[in-house]
């Protein structure tokens, strides 16, 4: 399996033009990644001890636990049951 980039926080922030939008994007990404790590969906904590996003933050396929990777391989393009 190749280690493709799934989510690039720096790229998302740099795509914004206004500084206010860059700040909002960073806060949203920080909250999203904190939540994902807290639920066990990411292997490594993307934030420091104070909860600040460690930059650069790039989420790759290897960032997910092996159970998530195995699930993605098995379901390929199927919709997950919610």
Protein backbone atom coordinates (compact mmCIF):
# COMPACT_ATOMS: atom_id res chain seq x y z
CA UNK A 1 0.00 0.00 0.00
CA UNK A 2 1.35 3.45 -0.87
CA UNK A 3 1.41 6.07 1.85
CA UNK A 4 -0.78 8.69 0.19
CA UNK A 5 -1.53 12.06 1.73
CA UNK A 6 -5.10 12.17 2.98
CA UNK A 7 -5.21 15.59 4.65
CA UNK A 8 -2.64 18.43 4.46
CA UNK A 9 -3.36 21.16 6.99
CA UNK A 10 -0.67 23.51 5.65
CA UNK A 11 -2.00 23.17 2.12
CA UNK A 12 -5.54 23.90 3.25
CA UNK A 13 -4.45 26.97 5.21
CA UNK A 14 -2.28 28.32 2.38
CA UNK A 15 -5.19 27.98 -0.04
CA UNK A 16 -7.04 30.68 1.89
CA UNK A 17 -6.48 34.29 0.82
CA UNK A 18 -7.54 36.31 3.85
CA UNK A 19 -5.68 35.97 7.15
CA UNK A 20 -8.98 35.62 8.99
CA UNK A 21 -9.89 32.61 6.83
CA UNK A 22 -6.44 31.08 7.45
CA UNK A 23 -6.98 31.43 11.20
CA UNK A 24 -10.47 29.87 11.00
CA UNK A 25 -9.15 26.99 8.89
CA UNK A 26 -6.38 26.30 11.40
CA UNK A 27 -8.81 26.26 14.33
CA UNK A 28 -11.21 23.96 12.47
CA UNK A 29 -8.39 21.57 11.55
CA UNK A 30 -7.07 21.63 15.11
CA UNK A 31 -10.48 20.74 16.52
CA UNK A 32 -11.08 18.05 13.90
CA UNK A 33 -7.70 16.37 14.48
CA UNK A 34 -8.00 16.61 18.29
CA UNK A 35 -11.39 14.93 18.07
CA UNK A 36 -10.12 12.21 15.70
CA UNK A 37 -7.15 11.45 17.95
CA UNK A 38 -9.36 11.40 21.05
CA UNK A 39 -11.64 8.83 19.39
CA UNK A 40 -8.67 6.63 18.45
CA UNK A 41 -8.91 7.32 14.73
CA UNK A 42 -5.30 8.57 14.46
CA UNK A 43 -2.13 6.81 15.62
CA UNK A 44 -0.13 9.93 16.51
CA UNK A 45 -1.32 12.99 18.39
CA UNK A 46 -1.22 15.95 15.96
CA UNK A 47 -1.24 18.41 18.89
CA UNK A 48 1.21 19.25 21.66
CA UNK A 49 0.50 18.97 25.41
CA UNK A 50 -1.29 22.33 25.39
CA UNK A 51 -3.62 21.32 22.55
CA UNK A 52 -1.92 23.43 19.87
CA UNK A 53 -1.64 21.94 16.41
CA UNK A 54 1.89 20.81 15.56
CA UNK A 55 2.80 22.25 12.18
CA UNK A 56 3.22 20.95 9.58
CA UNK A 57 0.38 18.49 10.07
CA UNK A 58 -0.02 16.01 7.26
CA UNK A 59 -2.30 13.01 7.70
CA UNK A 60 -1.26 10.05 5.56
CA UNK A 61 -2.61 6.53 5.25
CA UNK A 62 -0.02 5.40 7.80
CA UNK A 63 -1.53 7.84 10.34
CA UNK A 64 -4.53 5.57 10.79
CA UNK A 65 -4.55 2.53 13.07
CA UNK A 66 -4.19 -0.79 11.26
CA UNK A 67 -7.87 -1.57 11.83
CA UNK A 68 -8.86 1.53 9.86
CA UNK A 69 -6.44 0.66 7.05
CA UNK A 70 -7.75 -2.90 6.90
CA UNK A 71 -11.35 -1.62 6.84
CA UNK A 72 -10.56 0.75 3.97
CA UNK A 73 -8.93 -2.04 1.96
CA UNK A 74 -11.88 -4.40 2.48
CA UNK A 75 -14.66 -1.95 1.74
CA UNK A 76 -12.80 -0.13 -1.05
CA UNK A 77 -15.63 2.06 -2.36
CA UNK A 78 -18.58 0.93 -0.24
CA UNK A 79 -20.38 3.33 2.07
CA UNK A 80 -19.72 2.62 5.78
CA UNK A 81 -22.67 1.65 7.99
CA UNK A 82 -23.45 4.47 10.40
